Amino acid sequence: MSYVGESGEVGATSARFVAPGSLTDGRYGLYRWDMTAESGGATPHFHRTFSESFYVLSGTVQLYDGKEWVESSPGDFVFVPEG
């Protein structure tokens, strides 16, 4: 089953499947997330078995690196390893 191009809404956030794990043997997923400032983003969490990467197109995104919050701006690429 392919989810490529499918999209959905989660509150004030919209998501589009670009290359979900179902197409990459569960090794990688590529999704486009469009978040408004009001969305607040995800609650604090971590993934045991896969990494995440973020490329900021506009606005700012804050991620916790285990020690402090790091702010990313347009053009920044952020890699978060599993665990």
PDB file of N, CA and C in Angstrom:
ATOM      1  N   MET A   1       0.838  -1.171   0.000  1.00  0.00           N
ATOM      2  CA  MET A   1       0.000   0.000   0.000  1.00  0.00           C
ATOM      3  C   MET A   1       0.891   1.244   0.000  1.00  0.00           C
ATOM      4  N   SER A   2       0.569   2.205  -0.792  1.00  0.00           N
ATOM      5  CA  SER A   2       1.349   3.435  -0.876  1.00  0.00           C
ATOM      6  C   SER A   2       0.545   4.586  -0.291  1.00  0.00           C
ATOM      7  N   TYR A   3       1.192   5.378   0.544  1.00  0.00           N
ATOM      8  CA  TYR A   3       0.565   6.551   1.124  1.00  0.00           C
ATOM      9  C   TYR A   3       1.122   7.828   0.529  1.00  0.00           C
ATOM     10  N   VAL A   4       1.967   7.719  -0.474  1.00  0.00           N
ATOM     11  CA  VAL A   4       2.622   8.884  -1.051  1.00  0.00           C
ATOM     12  C   VAL A   4       1.580   9.904  -1.487  1.00  0.00           C
ATOM     13  N   GLY A   5       1.787  11.118  -1.066  1.00  0.00           N
ATOM     14  CA  GLY A   5       0.899  12.209  -1.440  1.00  0.00           C
ATOM     15  C   GLY A   5      -0.304  12.368  -0.531  1.00  0.00           C
ATOM     16  N   GLU A   6      -0.619  11.349   0.292  1.00  0.00           N
ATOM     17  CA  GLU A   6      -1.746  11.476   1.201  1.00  0.00           C
ATOM     18  C   GLU A   6      -1.411  12.499   2.265  1.00  0.00           C
ATOM     19  N   SER A   7      -2.427  13.173   2.751  1.00  0.00           N
ATOM     20  CA  SER A   7      -2.202  14.185   3.768  1.00  0.00           C
ATOM     21  C   SER A   7      -3.294  14.124   4.808  1.00  0.00           C
ATOM     22  N   GLY A   8      -3.054  14.795   5.905  1.00  0.00           N
ATOM     23  CA  GLY A   8      -4.029  14.826   6.980  1.00  0.00           C
ATOM     24  C   GLY A   8      -3.812  16.037   7.859  1.00  0.00           C
ATOM     25  N   GLU A   9      -4.746  16.263   8.742  1.00  0.00           N
ATOM     26  CA  GLU A   9      -4.687  17.392   9.663  1.00  0.00           C
ATOM     27  C   GLU A   9      -4.648  16.863  11.089  1.00  0.00           C
ATOM     28  N   VAL A  10      -3.788  17.466  11.902  1.00  0.00           N
ATOM     29  CA  VAL A  10      -3.706  17.164  13.323  1.00  0.00           C
ATOM     30  C   VAL A  10      -3.772  18.504  14.039  1.00  0.00           C
ATOM     31  N   GLY A  11      -4.943  18.901  14.470  1.00  0.00           N
ATOM     32  CA  GLY A  11      -5.105  20.215  15.077  1.00  0.00           C
ATOM     33  C   GLY A  11      -4.732  21.304  14.094  1.00  0.00           C
ATOM     34  N   ALA A  12      -3.771  22.161  14.480  1.00  0.00           N
ATOM     35  CA  ALA A  12      -3.332  23.264  13.625  1.00  0.00           C
ATOM     36  C   ALA A  12      -2.147  22.866  12.749  1.00  0.00           C
ATOM     37  N   THR A  13      -1.910  21.553  12.607  1.00  0.00           N
ATOM     38  CA  THR A  13      -0.783  21.046  11.827  1.00  0.00           C
ATOM     39  C   THR A  13      -1.289  20.196  10.678  1.00  0.00           C
ATOM     40  N   SER A  14      -0.694  20.366   9.505  1.00  0.00           N
ATOM     41  CA  SER A  14      -1.016  19.482   8.389  1.00  0.00           C
ATOM     42  C   SER A  14       0.221  18.661   8.052  1.00  0.00           C
ATOM     43  N   ALA A  15      -0.004  17.426   7.645  1.00  0.00           N
ATOM     44  CA  ALA A  15       1.107  16.520   7.321  1.00  0.00           C
ATOM     45  C   ALA A  15       0.847  15.880   5.966  1.00  0.00           C
ATOM     46  N   ARG A  16       1.925  15.663   5.216  1.00  0.00           N
ATOM     47  CA  ARG A  16       1.824  14.978   3.926  1.00  0.00           C
ATOM     48  C   ARG A  16       2.895  13.902   3.872  1.00  0.00           C
ATOM     49  N   PHE A  17       2.492  12.689   3.512  1.00  0.00           N
ATOM     50  CA  PHE A  17       3.426  11.578   3.372  1.00  0.00           C
ATOM     51  C   PHE A  17       4.181  11.734   2.059  1.00  0.00           C
ATOM     52  N   VAL A  18       5.492  11.847   2.125  1.00  0.00           N
ATOM     53  CA  VAL A  18       6.323  11.953   0.928  1.00  0.00           C
ATOM     54  C   VAL A  18       6.939  10.590   0.626  1.00  0.00           C
ATOM     55  N   ALA A  19       7.576   9.969   1.611  1.00  0.00           N
ATOM     56  CA  ALA A  19       8.158   8.625   1.476  1.00  0.00           C
ATOM     57  C   ALA A  19       8.021   7.934   2.836  1.00  0.00           C
ATOM     58  N   PRO A  20       6.865   7.344   3.118  1.00  0.00           N
ATOM     59  CA  PRO A  20       6.665   6.695   4.415  1.00  0.00           C
ATOM     60  C   PRO A  20       7.473   5.409   4.544  1.00  0.00           C
ATOM     61  N   GLY A  21       7.604   4.943   5.779  1.00  0.00           N
ATOM     62  CA  GLY A  21       8.356   3.717   6.051  1.00  0.00           C
ATOM     63  C   GLY A  21       7.888   2.522   5.250  1.00  0.00           C
ATOM     64  N   SER A  22       6.622   2.511   4.847  1.00  0.00           N
ATOM     65  CA  SER A  22       6.107   1.383   4.055  1.00  0.00           C
ATOM     66  C   SER A  22       6.810   1.267   2.701  1.00  0.00           C
ATOM     67  N   LEU A  23       7.431   2.345   2.248  1.00  0.00           N
ATOM     68  CA  LEU A  23       8.156   2.326   0.976  1.00  0.00           C
ATOM     69  C   LEU A  23       9.661   2.160   1.159  1.00  0.00           C
ATOM     70  N   THR A  24      10.137   2.201   2.406  1.00  0.00           N
ATOM     71  CA  THR A  24      11.580   2.166   2.659  1.00  0.00           C
ATOM     72  C   THR A  24      11.965   1.037   3.614  1.00  0.00           C
ATOM     73  N   ASP A  25      11.172  -0.036   3.646  1.00  0.00           N
ATOM     74  CA  ASP A  25      11.402  -1.148   4.568  1.00  0.00           C
ATOM     75  C   ASP A  25      11.482  -0.677   6.017  1.00  0.00           C
ATOM     76  N   GLY A  26      10.757   0.371   6.359  1.00  0.00           N
ATOM     77  CA  GLY A  26      10.741   0.873   7.715  1.00  0.00           C
ATOM     78  C   GLY A  26      12.030   1.541   8.149  1.00  0.00           C
ATOM     79  N   ARG A  27      12.917   1.821   7.202  1.00  0.00           N
ATOM     80  CA  ARG A  27      14.223   2.385   7.544  1.00  0.00           C
ATOM     81  C   ARG A  27      14.231   3.903   7.552  1.00  0.00           C
ATOM     82  N   TYR A  28      13.276   4.508   6.862  1.00  0.00           N
ATOM     83  CA  TYR A  28      13.262   5.959   6.757  1.00  0.00           C
ATOM     84  C   TYR A  28      11.866   6.411   6.384  1.00  0.00           C
ATOM     85  N   GLY A  29      11.470   7.548   6.876  1.00  0.00           N
ATOM     86  CA  GLY A  29      10.204   8.149   6.491  1.00  0.00           C
ATOM     87  C   GLY A  29      10.416   9.619   6.210  1.00  0.00           C
ATOM     88  N   LEU A  30       9.816  10.119   5.154  1.00  0.00           N
ATOM     89  CA  LEU A  30       9.932  11.532   4.818  1.00  0.00           C
ATOM     90  C   LEU A  30       8.520  12.105   4.779  1.00  0.00           C
ATOM     91  N   TYR A  31       8.302  13.093   5.622  1.00  0.00           N
ATOM     92  CA  TYR A  31       6.986  13.704   5.753  1.00  0.00           C
ATOM     93  C   TYR A  31       7.146  15.211   5.745  1.00  0.00           C
ATOM     94  N   ARG A  32       6.161  15.888   5.226  1.00  0.00           N
ATOM     95  CA  ARG A  32       6.158  17.349   5.289  1.00  0.00           C
ATOM     96  C   ARG A  32       5.136  17.748   6.345  1.00  0.00           C
ATOM     97  N   TRP A  33       5.607  18.468   7.347  1.00  0.00           N
ATOM     98  CA  TRP A  33       4.750  18.960   8.424  1.00  0.00           C
ATOM     99  C   TRP A  33       4.669  20.474   8.314  1.00  0.00           C
ATOM    100  N   ASP A  34       3.466  21.001   8.196  1.00  0.00           N
ATOM    101  CA  ASP A  34       3.254  22.444   8.197  1.00  0.00           C
ATOM    102  C   ASP A  34       2.541  22.788   9.497  1.00  0.00           C
ATOM    103  N   MET A  35       3.274  23.501  10.376  1.00  0.00           N
ATOM    104  CA  MET A  35       2.749  23.822  11.703  1.00  0.00           C
ATOM    105  C   MET A  35       2.561  25.324  11.837  1.00  0.00           C
ATOM    106  N   THR A  36       1.448  25.699  12.401  1.00  0.00           N
ATOM    107  CA  THR A  36       1.256  27.109  12.735  1.00  0.00           C
ATOM    108  C   THR A  36       1.906  27.361  14.091  1.00  0.00           C
ATOM    109  N   ALA A  37       2.119  28.616  14.420  1.00  0.00           N
ATOM    110  CA  ALA A  37       2.702  28.953  15.720  1.00  0.00           C
ATOM    111  C   ALA A  37       1.810  28.457  16.856  1.00  0.00           C
ATOM    112  N   GLU A  38       0.516  28.385  16.615  1.00  0.00           N
ATOM    113  CA  GLU A  38      -0.429  27.946  17.638  1.00  0.00           C
ATOM    114  C   GLU A  38      -0.418  26.433  17.854  1.00  0.00           C
ATOM    115  N   SER A  39       0.193  25.684  16.942  1.00  0.00           N
ATOM    116  CA  SER A  39       0.139  24.223  17.036  1.00  0.00           C
ATOM    117  C   SER A  39       0.906  23.694  18.244  1.00  0.00           C
ATOM    118  N   GLY A  40       1.974  24.366  18.620  1.00  0.00           N
ATOM    119  CA  GLY A  40       2.752  23.932  19.769  1.00  0.00           C
ATOM    120  C   GLY A  40       3.648  22.736  19.507  1.00  0.00           C
ATOM    121  N   GLY A  41       3.500  22.074  18.393  1.00  0.00           N
ATOM    122  CA  GLY A  41       4.358  20.932  18.062  1.00  0.00           C
ATOM    123  C   GLY A  41       4.032  19.681  18.855  1.00  0.00           C
ATOM    124  N   ALA A  42       4.922  18.729  18.779  1.00  0.00           N
ATOM    125  CA  ALA A  42       4.733  17.448  19.454  1.00  0.00           C
ATOM    126  C   ALA A  42       5.057  17.569  20.939  1.00  0.00           C
ATOM    127  N   THR A  43       4.477  16.694  21.716  1.00  0.00           N
ATOM    128  CA  THR A  43       4.845  16.629  23.124  1.00  0.00           C
ATOM    129  C   THR A  43       6.218  15.982  23.229  1.00  0.00           C
ATOM    130  N   PRO A  44       6.958  16.218  24.307  1.00  0.00           N
ATOM    131  CA  PRO A  44       8.296  15.615  24.446  1.00  0.00           C
ATOM    132  C   PRO A  44       8.232  14.091  24.325  1.00  0.00           C
ATOM    133  N   HIS A  45       9.109  13.541  23.504  1.00  0.00           N
ATOM    134  CA  HIS A  45       9.156  12.096  23.277  1.00  0.00           C
ATOM    135  C   HIS A  45      10.488  11.732  22.636  1.00  0.00           C
ATOM    136  N   PHE A  46      10.747  10.433  22.498  1.00  0.00           N
ATOM    137  CA  PHE A  46      11.911   9.970  21.748  1.00  0.00           C
ATOM    138  C   PHE A  46      11.554   8.660  21.073  1.00  0.00           C
ATOM    139  N   HIS A  47      12.332   8.302  20.072  1.00  0.00           N
ATOM    140  CA  HIS A  47      12.119   7.065  19.322  1.00  0.00           C
ATOM    141  C   HIS A  47      13.278   6.123  19.593  1.00  0.00           C
ATOM    142  N   ARG A  48      12.970   4.904  19.959  1.00  0.00           N
ATOM    143  CA  ARG A  48      13.999   3.914  20.271  1.00  0.00           C
ATOM    144  C   ARG A  48      14.642   3.304  19.028  1.00  0.00           C
ATOM    145  N   THR A  49      13.882   3.222  17.936  1.00  0.00           N
ATOM    146  CA  THR A  49      14.352   2.428  16.796  1.00  0.00           C
ATOM    147  C   THR A  49      14.620   3.209  15.518  1.00  0.00           C
ATOM    148  N   PHE A  50      14.325   4.496  15.486  1.00  0.00           N
ATOM    149  CA  PHE A  50      14.612   5.244  14.261  1.00  0.00           C
ATOM    150  C   PHE A  50      14.957   6.686  14.585  1.00  0.00           C
ATOM    151  N   SER A  51      15.643   7.311  13.656  1.00  0.00           N
ATOM    152  CA  SER A  51      16.053   8.705  13.810  1.00  0.00           C
ATOM    153  C   SER A  51      15.036   9.616  13.127  1.00  0.00           C
ATOM    154  N   GLU A  52      15.176  10.897  13.387  1.00  0.00           N
ATOM    155  CA  GLU A  52      14.351  11.894  12.711  1.00  0.00           C
ATOM    156  C   GLU A  52      15.263  13.005  12.205  1.00  0.00           C
ATOM    157  N   SER A  53      14.865  13.608  11.109  1.00  0.00           N
ATOM    158  CA  SER A  53      15.578  14.758  10.564  1.00  0.00           C
ATOM    159  C   SER A  53      14.563  15.839  10.261  1.00  0.00           C
ATOM    160  N   PHE A  54      14.984  17.070  10.439  1.00  0.00           N
ATOM    161  CA  PHE A  54      14.115  18.211  10.185  1.00  0.00           C
ATOM    162  C   PHE A  54      14.865  19.220   9.345  1.00  0.00           C
ATOM    163  N   TYR A  55      14.183  19.767   8.346  1.00  0.00           N
ATOM    164  CA  TYR A  55      14.720  20.875   7.564  1.00  0.00           C
ATOM    165  C   TYR A  55      13.705  21.998   7.679  1.00  0.00           C
ATOM    166  N   VAL A  56      14.107  23.098   8.263  1.00  0.00           N
ATOM    167  CA  VAL A  56      13.189  24.193   8.551  1.00  0.00           C
ATOM    168  C   VAL A  56      13.062  25.103   7.329  1.00  0.00           C
ATOM    169  N   LEU A  57      11.830  25.241   6.836  1.00  0.00           N
ATOM    170  CA  LEU A  57      11.568  26.096   5.675  1.00  0.00           C
ATOM    171  C   LEU A  57      11.267  27.528   6.086  1.00  0.00           C
ATOM    172  N   SER A  58      10.506  27.687   7.157  1.00  0.00           N
ATOM    173  CA  SER A  58      10.181  29.029   7.650  1.00  0.00           C
ATOM    174  C   SER A  58       9.860  28.943   9.137  1.00  0.00           C
ATOM    175  N   GLY A  59       9.917  30.073   9.789  1.00  0.00           N
ATOM    176  CA  GLY A  59       9.655  30.097  11.223  1.00  0.00           C
ATOM    177  C   GLY A  59      10.814  29.500  12.000  1.00  0.00           C
ATOM    178  N   THR A  60      10.541  29.064  13.215  1.00  0.00           N
ATOM    179  CA  THR A  60      11.559  28.432  14.047  1.00  0.00           C
ATOM    180  C   THR A  60      10.988  27.168  14.665  1.00  0.00           C
ATOM    181  N   VAL A  61      11.871  26.233  14.969  1.00  0.00           N
ATOM    182  CA  VAL A  61      11.507  24.976  15.623  1.00  0.00           C
ATOM    183  C   VAL A  61      12.495  24.774  16.760  1.00  0.00           C
ATOM    184  N   GLN A  62      11.989  24.397  17.921  1.00  0.00           N
ATOM    185  CA  GLN A  62      12.858  24.104  19.053  1.00  0.00           C
ATOM    186  C   GLN A  62      12.847  22.610  19.331  1.00  0.00           C
ATOM    187  N   LEU A  63      14.047  22.032  19.465  1.00  0.00           N
ATOM    188  CA  LEU A  63      14.190  20.611  19.792  1.00  0.00           C
ATOM    189  C   LEU A  63      15.086  20.482  21.006  1.00  0.00           C
ATOM    190  N   TYR A  64      14.793  19.516  21.859  1.00  0.00           N
ATOM    191  CA  TYR A  64      15.591  19.278  23.050  1.00  0.00           C
ATOM    192  C   TYR A  64      16.658  18.249  22.720  1.00  0.00           C
ATOM    193  N   ASP A  65      17.927  18.565  22.975  1.00  0.00           N
ATOM    194  CA  ASP A  65      19.024  17.662  22.607  1.00  0.00           C
ATOM    195  C   ASP A  65      19.493  16.777  23.763  1.00  0.00           C
ATOM    196  N   GLY A  66      18.703  16.723  24.832  1.00  0.00           N
ATOM    197  CA  GLY A  66      19.068  15.932  25.990  1.00  0.00           C
ATOM    198  C   GLY A  66      19.678  16.774  27.095  1.00  0.00           C
ATOM    199  N   LYS A  67      20.103  17.979  26.753  1.00  0.00           N
ATOM    200  CA  LYS A  67      20.700  18.890  27.727  1.00  0.00           C
ATOM    201  C   LYS A  67      20.039  20.258  27.720  1.00  0.00           C
ATOM    202  N   GLU A  68      19.674  20.720  26.518  1.00  0.00           N
ATOM    203  CA  GLU A  68      19.082  22.049  26.385  1.00  0.00           C
ATOM    204  C   GLU A  68      18.203  22.121  25.144  1.00  0.00           C
ATOM    205  N   TRP A  69      17.354  23.143  25.095  1.00  0.00           N
ATOM    206  CA  TRP A  69      16.529  23.391  23.922  1.00  0.00           C
ATOM    207  C   TRP A  69      17.370  24.110  22.877  1.00  0.00           C
ATOM    208  N   VAL A  70      17.307  23.632  21.645  1.00  0.00           N
ATOM    209  CA  VAL A  70      18.062  24.216  20.541  1.00  0.00           C
ATOM    210  C   VAL A  70      17.064  24.772  19.535  1.00  0.00           C
ATOM    211  N   GLU A  71      17.226  26.030  19.181  1.00  0.00           N
ATOM    212  CA  GLU A  71      16.315  26.660  18.225  1.00  0.00           C
ATOM    213  C   GLU A  71      16.889  26.578  16.815  1.00  0.00           C
ATOM    214  N   SER A  72      16.063  26.165  15.877  1.00  0.00           N
ATOM    215  CA  SER A  72      16.461  26.065  14.469  1.00  0.00           C
ATOM    216  C   SER A  72      15.646  27.059  13.662  1.00  0.00           C
ATOM    217  N   SER A  73      16.284  27.645  12.651  1.00  0.00           N
ATOM    218  CA  SER A  73      15.680  28.679  11.812  1.00  0.00           C
ATOM    219  C   SER A  73      15.649  28.228  10.362  1.00  0.00           C
ATOM    220  N   PRO A  74      15.007  29.004   9.478  1.00  0.00           N
ATOM    221  CA  PRO A  74      14.938  28.626   8.063  1.00  0.00           C
ATOM    222  C   PRO A  74      16.322  28.296   7.494  1.00  0.00           C
ATOM    223  N   GLY A  75      16.393  27.167   6.799  1.00  0.00           N
ATOM    224  CA  GLY A  75      17.644  26.702   6.201  1.00  0.00           C
ATOM    225  C   GLY A  75      18.418  25.753   7.088  1.00  0.00           C
ATOM    226  N   ASP A  76      18.017  25.614   8.358  1.00  0.00           N
ATOM    227  CA  ASP A  76      18.711  24.701   9.272  1.00  0.00           C
ATOM    228  C   ASP A  76      18.255  23.263   9.061  1.00  0.00           C
ATOM    229  N   PHE A  77      19.217  22.343   9.152  1.00  0.00           N
ATOM    230  CA  PHE A  77      18.950  20.915   9.116  1.00  0.00           C
ATOM    231  C   PHE A  77      19.282  20.363  10.494  1.00  0.00           C
ATOM    232  N   VAL A  78      18.357  19.622  11.078  1.00  0.00           N
ATOM    233  CA  VAL A  78      18.542  19.063  12.411  1.00  0.00           C
ATOM    234  C   VAL A  78      18.376  17.544  12.332  1.00  0.00           C
ATOM    235  N   PHE A  79      19.355  16.805  12.855  1.00  0.00           N
ATOM    236  CA  PHE A  79      19.310  15.342  12.885  1.00  0.00           C
ATOM    237  C   PHE A  79      19.159  14.895  14.335  1.00  0.00           C
ATOM    238  N   VAL A  80      18.188  14.044  14.591  1.00  0.00           N
ATOM    239  CA  VAL A  80      17.954  13.511  15.937  1.00  0.00           C
ATOM    240  C   VAL A  80      18.120  11.991  15.857  1.00  0.00           C
ATOM    241  N   PRO A  81      19.189  11.451  16.465  1.00  0.00           N
ATOM    242  CA  PRO A  81      19.411   9.997  16.400  1.00  0.00           C
ATOM    243  C   PRO A  81      18.399   9.238  17.242  1.00  0.00           C
ATOM    244  N   GLU A  82      18.248   7.947  16.968  1.00  0.00           N
ATOM    245  CA  GLU A  82      17.323   7.142  17.778  1.00  0.00           C
ATOM    246  C   GLU A  82      17.761   7.173  19.234  1.00  0.00           C
ATOM    247  N   GLY A  83      16.771   7.027  20.113  1.00  0.00           N
ATOM    248  CA  GLY A  83      17.046   7.028  21.565  1.00  0.00           C
ATOM    249  C   GLY A  83      17.192   8.407  22.098  1.00  0.00           C
TER     250      GLY A  83
END
